[in-house]
Amino acid sequence: MIPDKAPKENVLHCPEDLKKDSHIPSYEKYKELYASSIENPDEFWADIAKDFFWKTKHTGRFLDYNFDVTKGEIFVKCMEGATTNICYNVLDRNVHERKLGDRVAFYWEGNEPGDDLTVTYRELLQKVCRFANVLKSQGVKKGDRVSIYMPMVVELVVAMLACVRIGAVHSIVFAGFSAESLCERIIDSQCSLLITAGIVVEARS
């Protein structure tokens, strides 16, 4: 939140031409969408789901749940019977169907000046496919659990999407946690593989 007494010249606003093409162009629109998600969750999430590819459609109610113990068992059911692959929705559709392969998927910036990277949808898809094959070569298959213990680098996103692509469940552990904390989470989630990163130390005079 910006302090009330902050100089007006220090307040940065999004360019109007960028705002008009945004999915959420204003704070008012955000509040409207948030209210809709709370008041009419079935309609809100069903509308979101229309933008996804579905291998099979859901059956019955879109959303069904009970959080009241006096009314029976606690449960949440969402889109029962529906199947898709989020990696396909995020990458393949944008590259092959929407022809957006050369569009930027995300910008990455490191801690050092000039330490940045621009990744297109096509580049990301290629990296994910390669790493998915690495996972399969290590015996990882659909339903297996994989722990990811990495800093905020591009390879973290690649590892996540590669797991999703082959149907493995990924468990992300914050890179600042101790070895003991990591071990506990690996055991609790019964992971069969750990993806991590080495550290390169540069000697500077």
N, C-alpha and C. Protein backbone atom coordinates (compact mmCIF):
# COMPACT_ATOMS: atom_id res chain seq x y z
N MET A 1 0.84 -1.18 0.00
CA MET A 1 0.00 0.00 0.00
C MET A 1 0.88 1.24 0.00
N ILE A 2 0.52 2.25 -0.79
CA ILE A 2 1.29 3.47 -0.88
C ILE A 2 0.86 4.43 0.23
N PRO A 3 1.79 4.96 1.04
CA PRO A 3 1.42 5.89 2.10
C PRO A 3 0.67 7.09 1.55
N ASP A 4 -0.25 7.63 2.36
CA ASP A 4 -1.06 8.77 1.93
C ASP A 4 -0.21 9.98 1.58
N LYS A 5 0.92 10.15 2.26
CA LYS A 5 1.75 11.32 2.06
C LYS A 5 2.84 11.11 1.01
N ALA A 6 2.81 10.00 0.31
CA ALA A 6 3.83 9.74 -0.71
C ALA A 6 3.70 10.76 -1.85
N PRO A 7 4.80 11.32 -2.33
CA PRO A 7 4.75 12.29 -3.43
C PRO A 7 4.09 11.68 -4.65
N LYS A 8 3.20 12.45 -5.31
CA LYS A 8 2.48 11.93 -6.46
C LYS A 8 3.41 11.51 -7.59
N GLU A 9 4.57 12.18 -7.71
CA GLU A 9 5.46 11.85 -8.81
C GLU A 9 6.11 10.47 -8.62
N ASN A 10 6.00 9.88 -7.41
CA ASN A 10 6.57 8.57 -7.14
C ASN A 10 5.59 7.43 -7.41
N VAL A 11 4.34 7.79 -7.76
CA VAL A 11 3.32 6.78 -8.01
C VAL A 11 3.34 6.42 -9.50
N LEU A 12 3.56 5.14 -9.80
CA LEU A 12 3.62 4.68 -11.18
C LEU A 12 2.29 4.07 -11.59
N HIS A 13 1.81 4.42 -12.76
CA HIS A 13 0.55 3.90 -13.27
C HIS A 13 0.78 3.12 -14.55
N CYS A 14 -0.02 2.09 -14.74
CA CYS A 14 0.07 1.27 -15.96
C CYS A 14 -0.39 2.09 -17.16
N PRO A 15 0.32 2.00 -18.28
CA PRO A 15 -0.10 2.71 -19.49
C PRO A 15 -1.51 2.31 -19.90
N GLU A 16 -2.29 3.28 -20.38
CA GLU A 16 -3.69 3.04 -20.74
C GLU A 16 -3.83 1.99 -21.85
N ASP A 17 -2.92 2.01 -22.85
CA ASP A 17 -3.03 1.05 -23.95
C ASP A 17 -2.79 -0.38 -23.49
N LEU A 18 -2.01 -0.53 -22.41
CA LEU A 18 -1.76 -1.86 -21.86
C LEU A 18 -2.94 -2.30 -21.00
N LYS A 19 -3.52 -1.36 -20.27
CA LYS A 19 -4.64 -1.67 -19.40
C LYS A 19 -5.86 -2.14 -20.17
N LYS A 20 -6.13 -1.49 -21.31
CA LYS A 20 -7.38 -1.82 -22.03
C LYS A 20 -7.38 -3.24 -22.58
N ASP A 21 -6.20 -3.82 -22.82
CA ASP A 21 -6.11 -5.18 -23.33
C ASP A 21 -5.88 -6.22 -22.23
N SER A 22 -5.84 -5.76 -20.98
CA SER A 22 -5.58 -6.66 -19.86
C SER A 22 -6.82 -7.46 -19.49
N HIS A 23 -6.60 -8.64 -18.96
CA HIS A 23 -7.72 -9.47 -18.49
C HIS A 23 -8.42 -8.79 -17.33
N ILE A 24 -7.63 -8.15 -16.46
CA ILE A 24 -8.20 -7.39 -15.34
C ILE A 24 -7.63 -5.97 -15.43
N PRO A 25 -8.33 -5.07 -16.10
CA PRO A 25 -7.80 -3.73 -16.38
C PRO A 25 -7.82 -2.75 -15.23
N SER A 26 -8.52 -3.08 -14.15
CA SER A 26 -8.61 -2.13 -13.04
C SER A 26 -8.86 -2.85 -11.72
N TYR A 27 -8.65 -2.11 -10.64
CA TYR A 27 -8.90 -2.68 -9.31
C TYR A 27 -10.39 -2.93 -9.12
N GLU A 28 -11.21 -2.08 -9.73
CA GLU A 28 -12.66 -2.26 -9.63
C GLU A 28 -13.08 -3.57 -10.29
N LYS A 29 -12.47 -3.87 -11.44
CA LYS A 29 -12.77 -5.13 -12.12
C LYS A 29 -12.33 -6.32 -11.29
N TYR A 30 -11.18 -6.18 -10.62
CA TYR A 30 -10.70 -7.25 -9.74
C TYR A 30 -11.70 -7.52 -8.62
N LYS A 31 -12.19 -6.44 -7.99
CA LYS A 31 -13.15 -6.60 -6.90
C LYS A 31 -14.45 -7.23 -7.40
N GLU A 32 -14.84 -6.89 -8.60
CA GLU A 32 -16.04 -7.47 -9.20
C GLU A 32 -15.88 -8.97 -9.40
N LEU A 33 -14.73 -9.37 -9.95
CA LEU A 33 -14.47 -10.79 -10.16
C LEU A 33 -14.36 -11.55 -8.85
N TYR A 34 -13.70 -10.94 -7.87
CA TYR A 34 -13.56 -11.59 -6.57
C TYR A 34 -14.93 -11.83 -5.93
N ALA A 35 -15.79 -10.81 -5.98
CA ALA A 35 -17.13 -10.95 -5.40
C ALA A 35 -17.90 -12.07 -6.10
N SER A 36 -17.76 -12.14 -7.42
CA SER A 36 -18.43 -13.19 -8.18
C SER A 36 -17.93 -14.58 -7.77
N SER A 37 -16.61 -14.71 -7.53
CA SER A 37 -16.04 -16.01 -7.15
C SER A 37 -16.55 -16.47 -5.79
N ILE A 38 -16.89 -15.53 -4.92
CA ILE A 38 -17.40 -15.86 -3.58
C ILE A 38 -18.90 -16.13 -3.61
N GLU A 39 -19.63 -15.28 -4.33
CA GLU A 39 -21.09 -15.37 -4.33
C GLU A 39 -21.62 -16.46 -5.26
N ASN A 40 -20.95 -16.66 -6.40
CA ASN A 40 -21.39 -17.67 -7.37
C ASN A 40 -20.21 -18.50 -7.85
N PRO A 41 -19.61 -19.30 -6.96
CA PRO A 41 -18.40 -20.07 -7.35
C PRO A 41 -18.62 -21.01 -8.52
N ASP A 42 -19.81 -21.64 -8.61
CA ASP A 42 -20.08 -22.55 -9.72
C ASP A 42 -19.97 -21.83 -11.06
N GLU A 43 -20.67 -20.70 -11.17
CA GLU A 43 -20.66 -19.94 -12.42
C GLU A 43 -19.28 -19.37 -12.71
N PHE A 44 -18.62 -18.86 -11.68
CA PHE A 44 -17.32 -18.22 -11.86
C PHE A 44 -16.29 -19.21 -12.41
N TRP A 45 -16.15 -20.37 -11.76
CA TRP A 45 -15.13 -21.33 -12.18
C TRP A 45 -15.53 -22.07 -13.45
N ALA A 46 -16.83 -22.24 -13.68
CA ALA A 46 -17.28 -22.85 -14.94
C ALA A 46 -16.91 -21.95 -16.12
N ASP A 47 -17.01 -20.64 -15.92
CA ASP A 47 -16.64 -19.70 -16.96
C ASP A 47 -15.13 -19.74 -17.22
N ILE A 48 -14.33 -19.85 -16.15
CA ILE A 48 -12.87 -19.97 -16.29
C ILE A 48 -12.53 -21.25 -17.06
N ALA A 49 -13.23 -22.33 -16.73
CA ALA A 49 -12.93 -23.64 -17.33
C ALA A 49 -13.20 -23.68 -18.83
N LYS A 50 -14.03 -22.77 -19.33
CA LYS A 50 -14.35 -22.75 -20.76
C LYS A 50 -13.12 -22.46 -21.61
N ASP A 51 -12.12 -21.80 -21.02
CA ASP A 51 -10.92 -21.44 -21.77
C ASP A 51 -9.91 -22.59 -21.85
N PHE A 52 -10.18 -23.71 -21.17
CA PHE A 52 -9.25 -24.83 -21.14
C PHE A 52 -9.67 -25.93 -22.12
N PHE A 53 -8.67 -26.70 -22.55
CA PHE A 53 -8.96 -27.91 -23.33
C PHE A 53 -9.29 -29.03 -22.35
N TRP A 54 -10.36 -29.78 -22.65
CA TRP A 54 -10.75 -30.89 -21.79
C TRP A 54 -10.81 -32.16 -22.62
N LYS A 55 -10.06 -33.16 -22.19
CA LYS A 55 -10.09 -34.46 -22.88
C LYS A 55 -11.44 -35.11 -22.67
N THR A 56 -11.95 -35.02 -21.43
CA THR A 56 -13.30 -35.47 -21.12
C THR A 56 -13.97 -34.39 -20.28
N LYS A 57 -15.26 -34.18 -20.49
CA LYS A 57 -16.01 -33.17 -19.76
C LYS A 57 -16.45 -33.71 -18.40
N HIS A 58 -16.76 -32.79 -17.49
CA HIS A 58 -17.22 -33.22 -16.17
C HIS A 58 -18.65 -33.71 -16.25
N THR A 59 -19.02 -34.55 -15.28
CA THR A 59 -20.38 -35.07 -15.20
C THR A 59 -21.01 -34.58 -13.91
N GLY A 60 -22.32 -34.39 -13.93
CA GLY A 60 -23.01 -33.94 -12.73
C GLY A 60 -22.75 -32.47 -12.43
N ARG A 61 -22.81 -32.11 -11.16
CA ARG A 61 -22.62 -30.72 -10.73
C ARG A 61 -21.18 -30.29 -10.97
N PHE A 62 -21.01 -29.02 -11.31
CA PHE A 62 -19.66 -28.50 -11.52
C PHE A 62 -18.90 -28.47 -10.20
N LEU A 63 -19.57 -28.04 -9.15
CA LEU A 63 -18.93 -27.93 -7.83
C LEU A 63 -19.89 -28.41 -6.76
N ASP A 64 -19.43 -29.31 -5.91
CA ASP A 64 -20.25 -29.85 -4.83
C ASP A 64 -19.38 -29.98 -3.59
N TYR A 65 -19.87 -29.52 -2.46
CA TYR A 65 -19.05 -29.56 -1.25
C TYR A 65 -19.91 -29.49 0.01
N ASN A 66 -19.30 -29.89 1.12
CA ASN A 66 -19.94 -29.76 2.43
C ASN A 66 -18.87 -29.49 3.47
N PHE A 67 -18.97 -28.36 4.14
CA PHE A 67 -18.03 -27.99 5.19
C PHE A 67 -18.69 -28.02 6.58
N ASP A 68 -19.94 -28.49 6.63
CA ASP A 68 -20.70 -28.51 7.89
C ASP A 68 -20.75 -29.94 8.43
N VAL A 69 -20.05 -30.20 9.54
CA VAL A 69 -19.99 -31.56 10.10
C VAL A 69 -21.36 -32.05 10.56
N THR A 70 -22.28 -31.12 10.84
CA THR A 70 -23.61 -31.53 11.29
C THR A 70 -24.45 -32.07 10.13
N LYS A 71 -23.97 -31.85 8.91
CA LYS A 71 -24.71 -32.29 7.73
C LYS A 71 -24.09 -33.52 7.07
N GLY A 72 -23.07 -34.07 7.72
CA GLY A 72 -22.45 -35.28 7.17
C GLY A 72 -20.97 -35.13 6.93
N GLU A 73 -20.45 -35.99 6.09
CA GLU A 73 -19.02 -36.03 5.81
C GLU A 73 -18.54 -34.76 5.11
N ILE A 74 -17.37 -34.29 5.51
CA ILE A 74 -16.77 -33.12 4.88
C ILE A 74 -16.16 -33.56 3.54
N PHE A 75 -16.49 -32.83 2.46
CA PHE A 75 -15.94 -33.20 1.15
C PHE A 75 -15.97 -32.01 0.20
N VAL A 76 -15.16 -32.09 -0.82
CA VAL A 76 -15.16 -31.12 -1.92
C VAL A 76 -15.04 -31.91 -3.21
N LYS A 77 -15.95 -31.71 -4.13
CA LYS A 77 -15.90 -32.36 -5.44
C LYS A 77 -16.00 -31.26 -6.49
N CYS A 78 -15.04 -31.24 -7.38
CA CYS A 78 -15.04 -30.23 -8.43
C CYS A 78 -14.80 -30.88 -9.79
N MET A 79 -15.71 -30.67 -10.71
CA MET A 79 -15.59 -31.18 -12.07
C MET A 79 -15.30 -32.67 -12.11
N GLU A 80 -16.07 -33.44 -11.38
CA GLU A 80 -15.86 -34.89 -11.35
C GLU A 80 -15.97 -35.49 -12.76
N GLY A 81 -15.01 -36.35 -13.09
CA GLY A 81 -14.99 -37.01 -14.38
C GLY A 81 -14.23 -36.26 -15.45
N ALA A 82 -13.89 -34.99 -15.20
CA ALA A 82 -13.17 -34.19 -16.20
C ALA A 82 -11.69 -34.54 -16.18
N THR A 83 -11.08 -34.59 -17.36
CA THR A 83 -9.64 -34.84 -17.45
C THR A 83 -9.01 -33.87 -18.44
N THR A 84 -7.82 -33.39 -18.10
CA THR A 84 -7.07 -32.52 -18.98
C THR A 84 -5.60 -32.61 -18.58
N ASN A 85 -4.76 -31.86 -19.25
CA ASN A 85 -3.36 -31.76 -18.88
C ASN A 85 -3.01 -30.27 -18.90
N ILE A 86 -2.69 -29.74 -17.73
CA ILE A 86 -2.44 -28.31 -17.62
C ILE A 86 -1.24 -27.89 -18.46
N CYS A 87 -0.23 -28.74 -18.56
CA CYS A 87 0.93 -28.41 -19.38
C CYS A 87 0.52 -28.24 -20.84
N TYR A 88 -0.38 -29.08 -21.32
CA TYR A 88 -0.87 -28.94 -22.69
C TYR A 88 -1.60 -27.61 -22.86
N ASN A 89 -2.41 -27.25 -21.88
CA ASN A 89 -3.15 -26.00 -21.94
C ASN A 89 -2.22 -24.79 -21.92
N VAL A 90 -1.19 -24.86 -21.10
CA VAL A 90 -0.27 -23.73 -20.95
C VAL A 90 0.66 -23.57 -22.14
N LEU A 91 1.17 -24.68 -22.69
CA LEU A 91 2.19 -24.60 -23.71
C LEU A 91 1.73 -25.04 -25.10
N ASP A 92 1.35 -26.28 -25.27
CA ASP A 92 1.05 -26.83 -26.60
C ASP A 92 -0.02 -26.02 -27.33
N ARG A 93 -1.08 -25.67 -26.63
CA ARG A 93 -2.16 -24.92 -27.28
C ARG A 93 -1.67 -23.57 -27.77
N ASN A 94 -0.86 -22.90 -26.94
CA ASN A 94 -0.37 -21.57 -27.32
C ASN A 94 0.61 -21.65 -28.48
N VAL A 95 1.40 -22.72 -28.54
CA VAL A 95 2.39 -22.86 -29.61
C VAL A 95 1.74 -23.36 -30.90
N HIS A 96 0.98 -24.45 -30.82
CA HIS A 96 0.49 -25.12 -32.02
C HIS A 96 -0.89 -24.66 -32.50
N GLU A 97 -1.79 -24.36 -31.56
CA GLU A 97 -3.15 -23.99 -31.96
C GLU A 97 -3.30 -22.47 -32.12
N ARG A 98 -2.80 -21.74 -31.16
CA ARG A 98 -2.95 -20.28 -31.19
C ARG A 98 -1.80 -19.56 -31.90
N LYS A 99 -0.79 -20.34 -32.31
CA LYS A 99 0.36 -19.79 -33.05
C LYS A 99 1.04 -18.65 -32.29
N LEU A 100 1.24 -18.85 -30.99
CA LEU A 100 1.86 -17.83 -30.15
C LEU A 100 3.25 -18.26 -29.68
N GLY A 101 3.88 -19.15 -30.44
CA GLY A 101 5.17 -19.69 -30.02
C GLY A 101 6.24 -18.66 -29.79
N ASP A 102 6.20 -17.57 -30.55
CA ASP A 102 7.24 -16.54 -30.41
C ASP A 102 6.88 -15.48 -29.38
N ARG A 103 5.72 -15.59 -28.79
CA ARG A 103 5.33 -14.65 -27.74
C ARG A 103 6.05 -15.00 -26.45
N VAL A 104 6.30 -14.01 -25.61
CA VAL A 104 7.00 -14.24 -24.35
C VAL A 104 6.09 -14.93 -23.35
N ALA A 105 6.55 -16.06 -22.84
CA ALA A 105 5.80 -16.78 -21.80
C ALA A 105 6.02 -16.12 -20.44
N PHE A 106 7.27 -15.78 -20.16
CA PHE A 106 7.55 -15.02 -18.94
C PHE A 106 8.95 -14.41 -19.01
N TYR A 107 9.12 -13.39 -18.18
CA TYR A 107 10.41 -12.73 -18.02
C TYR A 107 11.00 -13.19 -16.70
N TRP A 108 12.31 -13.48 -16.71
CA TRP A 108 12.98 -13.88 -15.47
C TRP A 108 14.11 -12.90 -15.18
N GLU A 109 14.21 -12.51 -13.93
CA GLU A 109 15.30 -11.62 -13.51
C GLU A 109 15.98 -12.19 -12.28
N GLY A 110 17.32 -12.25 -12.33
CA GLY A 110 18.09 -12.75 -11.20
C GLY A 110 18.44 -11.62 -10.24
N ASN A 111 19.37 -11.91 -9.34
CA ASN A 111 19.74 -10.93 -8.32
C ASN A 111 20.81 -9.94 -8.78
N GLU A 112 21.56 -10.33 -9.81
CA GLU A 112 22.65 -9.49 -10.26
C GLU A 112 22.22 -8.63 -11.46
N PRO A 113 22.78 -7.43 -11.61
CA PRO A 113 22.46 -6.58 -12.77
C PRO A 113 22.77 -7.31 -14.08
N GLY A 114 21.84 -7.26 -14.99
CA GLY A 114 22.02 -7.93 -16.28
C GLY A 114 21.73 -9.41 -16.25
N ASP A 115 21.38 -9.93 -15.09
CA ASP A 115 21.07 -11.35 -14.95
C ASP A 115 19.58 -11.55 -15.22
N ASP A 116 19.21 -11.61 -16.49
CA ASP A 116 17.80 -11.74 -16.86
C ASP A 116 17.65 -12.64 -18.08
N LEU A 117 16.43 -13.05 -18.30
CA LEU A 117 16.17 -14.00 -19.38
C LEU A 117 14.73 -13.83 -19.86
N THR A 118 14.55 -13.90 -21.17
CA THR A 118 13.21 -13.86 -21.76
C THR A 118 12.93 -15.22 -22.38
N VAL A 119 11.83 -15.83 -22.00
CA VAL A 119 11.50 -17.19 -22.46
C VAL A 119 10.20 -17.17 -23.26
N THR A 120 10.25 -17.64 -24.50
CA THR A 120 9.03 -17.71 -25.32
C THR A 120 8.29 -19.01 -25.04
N TYR A 121 7.06 -19.09 -25.50
CA TYR A 121 6.28 -20.31 -25.31
C TYR A 121 6.95 -21.49 -26.02
N ARG A 122 7.49 -21.26 -27.20
CA ARG A 122 8.14 -22.35 -27.94
C ARG A 122 9.39 -22.84 -27.21
N GLU A 123 10.20 -21.91 -26.72
CA GLU A 123 11.41 -22.30 -25.99
C GLU A 123 11.06 -23.06 -24.72
N LEU A 124 10.03 -22.60 -24.03
CA LEU A 124 9.62 -23.27 -22.80
C LEU A 124 9.10 -24.66 -23.08
N LEU A 125 8.32 -24.81 -24.14
CA LEU A 125 7.79 -26.13 -24.51
C LEU A 125 8.93 -27.10 -24.81
N GLN A 126 9.94 -26.64 -25.53
CA GLN A 126 11.09 -27.49 -25.86
C GLN A 126 11.83 -27.94 -24.60
N LYS A 127 12.04 -27.00 -23.68
CA LYS A 127 12.74 -27.33 -22.43
C LYS A 127 11.93 -28.33 -21.60
N VAL A 128 10.63 -28.12 -21.55
CA VAL A 128 9.76 -28.99 -20.76
C VAL A 128 9.73 -30.40 -21.34
N CYS A 129 9.63 -30.50 -22.67
CA CYS A 129 9.61 -31.82 -23.31
C CYS A 129 10.90 -32.58 -23.05
N ARG A 130 12.02 -31.87 -23.15
CA ARG A 130 13.31 -32.52 -22.90
C ARG A 130 13.39 -33.03 -21.46
N PHE A 131 12.96 -32.19 -20.52
CA PHE A 131 13.08 -32.61 -19.13
C PHE A 131 12.06 -33.69 -18.78
N ALA A 132 10.91 -33.67 -19.43
CA ALA A 132 9.93 -34.74 -19.21
C ALA A 132 10.52 -36.08 -19.62
N ASN A 133 11.30 -36.06 -20.71
CA ASN A 133 11.97 -37.29 -21.14
C ASN A 133 13.04 -37.73 -20.15
N VAL A 134 13.71 -36.75 -19.53
CA VAL A 134 14.70 -37.08 -18.49
C VAL A 134 14.01 -37.77 -17.33
N LEU A 135 12.87 -37.22 -16.90
CA LEU A 135 12.13 -37.83 -15.79
C LEU A 135 11.72 -39.26 -16.12
N LYS A 136 11.21 -39.46 -17.34
CA LYS A 136 10.79 -40.81 -17.73
C LYS A 136 11.98 -41.77 -17.80
N SER A 137 13.15 -41.25 -18.19
CA SER A 137 14.35 -42.10 -18.24
C SER A 137 14.79 -42.52 -16.85
N GLN A 138 14.36 -41.76 -15.83
CA GLN A 138 14.67 -42.10 -14.44
C GLN A 138 13.58 -42.96 -13.80
N GLY A 139 12.62 -43.38 -14.62
CA GLY A 139 11.58 -44.28 -14.13
C GLY A 139 10.36 -43.59 -13.56
N VAL A 140 10.29 -42.26 -13.67
CA VAL A 140 9.12 -41.53 -13.15
C VAL A 140 7.94 -41.74 -14.09
N LYS A 141 6.78 -42.09 -13.51
CA LYS A 141 5.59 -42.33 -14.32
C LYS A 141 4.38 -41.65 -13.69
N LYS A 142 3.27 -41.73 -14.39
CA LYS A 142 2.04 -41.10 -13.94
C LYS A 142 1.68 -41.56 -12.52
N GLY A 143 1.38 -40.58 -11.66
CA GLY A 143 1.00 -40.89 -10.28
C GLY A 143 2.16 -40.86 -9.31
N ASP A 144 3.40 -40.94 -9.81
CA ASP A 144 4.56 -40.86 -8.92
C ASP A 144 4.68 -39.45 -8.34
N ARG A 145 5.34 -39.36 -7.18
CA ARG A 145 5.54 -38.05 -6.55
C ARG A 145 7.01 -37.65 -6.65
N VAL A 146 7.20 -36.39 -7.00
CA VAL A 146 8.54 -35.85 -7.20
C VAL A 146 8.71 -34.60 -6.35
N SER A 147 9.82 -34.54 -5.60
CA SER A 147 10.12 -33.34 -4.81
C SER A 147 10.99 -32.40 -5.63
N ILE A 148 10.71 -31.11 -5.53
CA ILE A 148 11.50 -30.09 -6.22
C ILE A 148 12.05 -29.13 -5.17
N TYR A 149 13.38 -29.07 -5.09
CA TYR A 149 14.07 -28.26 -4.07
C TYR A 149 15.04 -27.35 -4.81
N MET A 150 14.52 -26.21 -5.29
CA MET A 150 15.32 -25.35 -6.17
C MET A 150 15.07 -23.87 -5.87
N PRO A 151 16.02 -23.03 -6.23
CA PRO A 151 15.81 -21.58 -6.10
C PRO A 151 14.88 -21.09 -7.20
N MET A 152 14.58 -19.80 -7.23
CA MET A 152 13.66 -19.24 -8.21
C MET A 152 14.37 -19.02 -9.55
N VAL A 153 14.57 -20.10 -10.26
CA VAL A 153 15.23 -20.06 -11.57
C VAL A 153 14.27 -20.62 -12.62
N VAL A 154 14.61 -20.41 -13.90
CA VAL A 154 13.77 -20.89 -15.00
C VAL A 154 13.57 -22.40 -14.92
N GLU A 155 14.61 -23.11 -14.51
CA GLU A 155 14.54 -24.57 -14.44
C GLU A 155 13.49 -25.06 -13.44
N LEU A 156 13.14 -24.24 -12.47
CA LEU A 156 12.09 -24.61 -11.53
C LEU A 156 10.75 -24.73 -12.25
N VAL A 157 10.44 -23.75 -13.10
CA VAL A 157 9.21 -23.78 -13.89
C VAL A 157 9.22 -24.97 -14.84
N VAL A 158 10.37 -25.22 -15.46
CA VAL A 158 10.51 -26.35 -16.38
C VAL A 158 10.24 -27.67 -15.66
N ALA A 159 10.80 -27.82 -14.47
CA ALA A 159 10.62 -29.05 -13.69
C ALA A 159 9.16 -29.26 -13.32
N MET A 160 8.49 -28.19 -12.88
CA MET A 160 7.08 -28.29 -12.51
C MET A 160 6.23 -28.74 -13.69
N LEU A 161 6.39 -28.07 -14.84
CA LEU A 161 5.58 -28.38 -16.00
C LEU A 161 5.92 -29.76 -16.58
N ALA A 162 7.18 -30.18 -16.46
CA ALA A 162 7.56 -31.51 -16.93
C ALA A 162 6.85 -32.59 -16.12
N CYS A 163 6.76 -32.37 -14.81
CA CYS A 163 6.03 -33.32 -13.96
C CYS A 163 4.57 -33.39 -14.37
N VAL A 164 3.96 -32.22 -14.54
CA VAL A 164 2.56 -32.16 -14.94
C VAL A 164 2.34 -32.85 -16.28
N ARG A 165 3.29 -32.67 -17.19
CA ARG A 165 3.16 -33.22 -18.54
C ARG A 165 3.04 -34.74 -18.53
N ILE A 166 3.80 -35.41 -17.66
CA ILE A 166 3.77 -36.87 -17.64
C ILE A 166 2.85 -37.42 -16.56
N GLY A 167 2.15 -36.52 -15.86
CA GLY A 167 1.19 -36.98 -14.86
C GLY A 167 1.76 -37.26 -13.49
N ALA A 168 2.99 -36.80 -13.24
CA ALA A 168 3.59 -36.97 -11.91
C ALA A 168 3.14 -35.83 -10.99
N VAL A 169 3.09 -36.10 -9.72
CA VAL A 169 2.69 -35.10 -8.73
C VAL A 169 3.94 -34.43 -8.18
N HIS A 170 4.03 -33.10 -8.27
CA HIS A 170 5.23 -32.43 -7.77
C HIS A 170 4.98 -31.76 -6.42
N SER A 171 5.96 -31.89 -5.56
CA SER A 171 5.93 -31.29 -4.22
C SER A 171 7.08 -30.29 -4.14
N ILE A 172 6.75 -28.99 -4.12
CA ILE A 172 7.79 -27.96 -4.09
C ILE A 172 8.16 -27.64 -2.65
N VAL A 173 9.44 -27.72 -2.35
CA VAL A 173 9.96 -27.40 -1.02
C VAL A 173 10.77 -26.11 -1.12
N PHE A 174 10.48 -25.16 -0.28
CA PHE A 174 11.18 -23.87 -0.27
C PHE A 174 12.68 -24.10 -0.16
N ALA A 175 13.44 -23.45 -1.05
CA ALA A 175 14.88 -23.69 -1.14
C ALA A 175 15.65 -23.27 0.11
N GLY A 176 15.02 -22.48 0.98
CA GLY A 176 15.69 -22.05 2.20
C GLY A 176 15.54 -23.02 3.36
N PHE A 177 14.74 -24.08 3.18
CA PHE A 177 14.54 -25.04 4.24
C PHE A 177 15.79 -25.89 4.46
N SER A 178 15.94 -26.39 5.67
CA SER A 178 17.09 -27.22 6.03
C SER A 178 16.98 -28.60 5.41
N ALA A 179 18.09 -29.34 5.47
CA ALA A 179 18.10 -30.71 4.94
C ALA A 179 17.10 -31.58 5.69
N GLU A 180 16.97 -31.34 7.00
CA GLU A 180 16.03 -32.12 7.81
C GLU A 180 14.58 -31.85 7.37
N SER A 181 14.26 -30.57 7.13
CA SER A 181 12.91 -30.21 6.69
C SER A 181 12.61 -30.82 5.33
N LEU A 182 13.60 -30.79 4.44
CA LEU A 182 13.43 -31.39 3.12
C LEU A 182 13.19 -32.88 3.25
N CYS A 183 13.97 -33.54 4.11
CA CYS A 183 13.84 -34.98 4.31
C CYS A 183 12.44 -35.34 4.80
N GLU A 184 11.92 -34.57 5.75
CA GLU A 184 10.58 -34.83 6.29
C GLU A 184 9.52 -34.75 5.19
N ARG A 185 9.65 -33.76 4.33
CA ARG A 185 8.65 -33.57 3.27
C ARG A 185 8.74 -34.64 2.20
N ILE A 186 9.95 -35.11 1.94
CA ILE A 186 10.12 -36.20 0.98
C ILE A 186 9.46 -37.47 1.50
N ILE A 187 9.68 -37.74 2.77
CA ILE A 187 9.11 -38.94 3.39
C ILE A 187 7.59 -38.84 3.48
N ASP A 188 7.08 -37.67 3.92
CA ASP A 188 5.64 -37.49 4.08
C ASP A 188 4.89 -37.65 2.77
N SER A 189 5.47 -37.16 1.68
CA SER A 189 4.78 -37.24 0.39
C SER A 189 5.18 -38.48 -0.41
N GLN A 190 6.08 -39.30 0.17
CA GLN A 190 6.51 -40.56 -0.45
C GLN A 190 7.05 -40.33 -1.87
N CYS A 191 7.94 -39.34 -1.98
CA CYS A 191 8.52 -39.00 -3.28
C CYS A 191 9.53 -40.06 -3.72
N SER A 192 9.57 -40.30 -5.02
CA SER A 192 10.50 -41.28 -5.57
C SER A 192 11.71 -40.62 -6.21
N LEU A 193 11.66 -39.28 -6.37
CA LEU A 193 12.76 -38.57 -7.01
C LEU A 193 12.85 -37.15 -6.46
N LEU A 194 14.08 -36.66 -6.33
CA LEU A 194 14.31 -35.29 -5.89
C LEU A 194 15.01 -34.51 -7.01
N ILE A 195 14.43 -33.36 -7.37
CA ILE A 195 15.06 -32.47 -8.35
C ILE A 195 15.62 -31.28 -7.58
N THR A 196 16.91 -31.04 -7.72
CA THR A 196 17.53 -29.93 -6.99
C THR A 196 18.56 -29.26 -7.87
N ALA A 197 19.28 -28.30 -7.31
CA ALA A 197 20.25 -27.53 -8.09
C ALA A 197 21.55 -27.39 -7.30
N GLY A 198 22.66 -27.38 -8.03
CA GLY A 198 23.95 -27.16 -7.39
C GLY A 198 24.21 -25.68 -7.22
N ILE A 199 25.22 -25.35 -6.44
CA ILE A 199 25.57 -23.95 -6.20
C ILE A 199 26.97 -23.70 -6.76
N VAL A 200 27.07 -22.66 -7.56
CA VAL A 200 28.37 -22.27 -8.13
C VAL A 200 28.88 -21.05 -7.37
N VAL A 201 30.05 -21.17 -6.77
CA VAL A 201 30.64 -20.06 -6.01
C VAL A 201 31.79 -19.49 -6.80
N GLU A 202 31.73 -18.19 -7.07
CA GLU A 202 32.79 -17.53 -7.80
C GLU A 202 33.75 -16.83 -6.84
N ALA A 203 35.02 -17.06 -7.04
CA ALA A 203 36.03 -16.39 -6.21
C ALA A 203 36.33 -15.03 -6.83
N ARG A 204 36.14 -13.97 -6.05
CA ARG A 204 36.38 -12.63 -6.55
C ARG A 204 37.44 -11.93 -5.70
N SER A 205 38.32 -11.24 -6.37
CA SER A 205 39.39 -10.54 -5.64
C SER A 205 38.90 -9.16 -5.23
